[in-house]
Amino acid sequence: MTRPSPKDIKAMAETSGVPVEANVAERIANSIGPAFEGFSAIAGTLPFDLEPASFLLAQVLEAGK
């Protein structure tokens, strides 16, 4: 998987039921971008994938505690 753009982040978050504003999507893309670049050498060989919507959903659930 390639580094997601803010547009990709926004679409994934909305699909997961946690809509985000454009500036939040931009911050998430900037935050997780280095992880995608760091794992690019072994992309597709790990038993999981990086998915930014889960990050935001975890924050929403934690805030509701």
Protein backbone atom coordinates (compact mmCIF):
# COMPACT_ATOMS: atom_id res chain seq x y z
CA MET A 1 0.00 0.00 0.00
CA THR A 2 1.24 3.47 -0.78
CA ARG A 3 1.28 6.43 1.56
CA PRO A 4 -2.34 7.66 1.85
CA SER A 5 -3.23 11.21 0.94
CA PRO A 6 -5.50 13.37 3.11
CA LYS A 7 -8.27 12.63 0.59
CA ASP A 8 -7.74 8.87 1.12
CA ILE A 9 -7.78 9.32 4.90
CA LYS A 10 -11.01 11.32 4.75
CA ALA A 11 -12.70 8.66 2.62
CA MET A 12 -11.56 5.80 4.87
CA ALA A 13 -12.66 7.61 8.02
CA GLU A 14 -16.07 8.41 6.58
CA THR A 15 -16.48 4.80 5.48
CA SER A 16 -15.75 3.64 9.03
CA GLY A 17 -18.45 5.96 10.37
CA VAL A 18 -16.11 8.58 11.85
CA PRO A 19 -16.18 11.56 9.48
CA VAL A 20 -13.28 13.99 9.76
CA GLU A 21 -12.61 17.51 8.57
CA ALA A 22 -9.99 18.14 5.90
CA ASN A 23 -7.46 19.55 8.38
CA VAL A 24 -7.77 16.45 10.58
CA ALA A 25 -7.27 14.20 7.56
CA GLU A 26 -4.16 16.22 6.68
CA ARG A 27 -2.72 15.76 10.19
CA ILE A 28 -3.40 12.02 10.13
CA ALA A 29 -1.75 11.67 6.71
CA ASN A 30 1.31 13.55 7.96
CA SER A 31 1.42 11.45 11.14
CA ILE A 32 1.19 8.01 9.59
CA GLY A 33 3.07 8.76 6.37
CA PRO A 34 6.48 7.87 7.82
CA ALA A 35 5.15 4.45 8.90
CA PHE A 36 4.07 3.69 5.34
CA GLU A 37 7.44 4.81 4.01
CA GLY A 38 9.29 2.78 6.63
CA PHE A 39 7.37 -0.40 5.86
CA SER A 40 7.46 0.04 2.08
CA ALA A 41 10.43 -2.31 1.74
CA ILE A 42 8.42 -5.19 3.20
CA ALA A 43 4.92 -4.17 2.08
CA GLY A 44 2.68 -7.13 1.42
CA THR A 45 4.74 -9.55 3.51
CA LEU A 46 3.21 -8.74 6.90
CA PRO A 47 0.02 -10.35 8.26
CA PHE A 48 -1.61 -6.92 8.74
CA ASP A 49 -2.01 -3.67 6.93
CA LEU A 50 -1.88 -0.08 8.14
CA GLU A 51 -5.33 1.46 8.10
CA PRO A 52 -5.76 5.05 9.29
CA ALA A 53 -9.49 4.98 10.04
CA SER A 54 -8.88 2.57 12.93
CA PHE A 55 -6.58 5.12 14.54
CA LEU A 56 -9.31 7.76 14.58
CA LEU A 57 -11.99 5.28 15.68
CA ALA A 58 -9.81 4.24 18.63
CA GLN A 59 -9.44 7.87 19.66
CA VAL A 60 -13.21 8.43 19.46
CA LEU A 61 -13.93 5.33 21.52
CA GLU A 62 -11.30 6.24 24.11
CA ALA A 63 -12.70 9.78 24.44
CA GLY A 64 -16.17 8.37 25.09
CA LYS A 65 -15.01 6.30 28.09
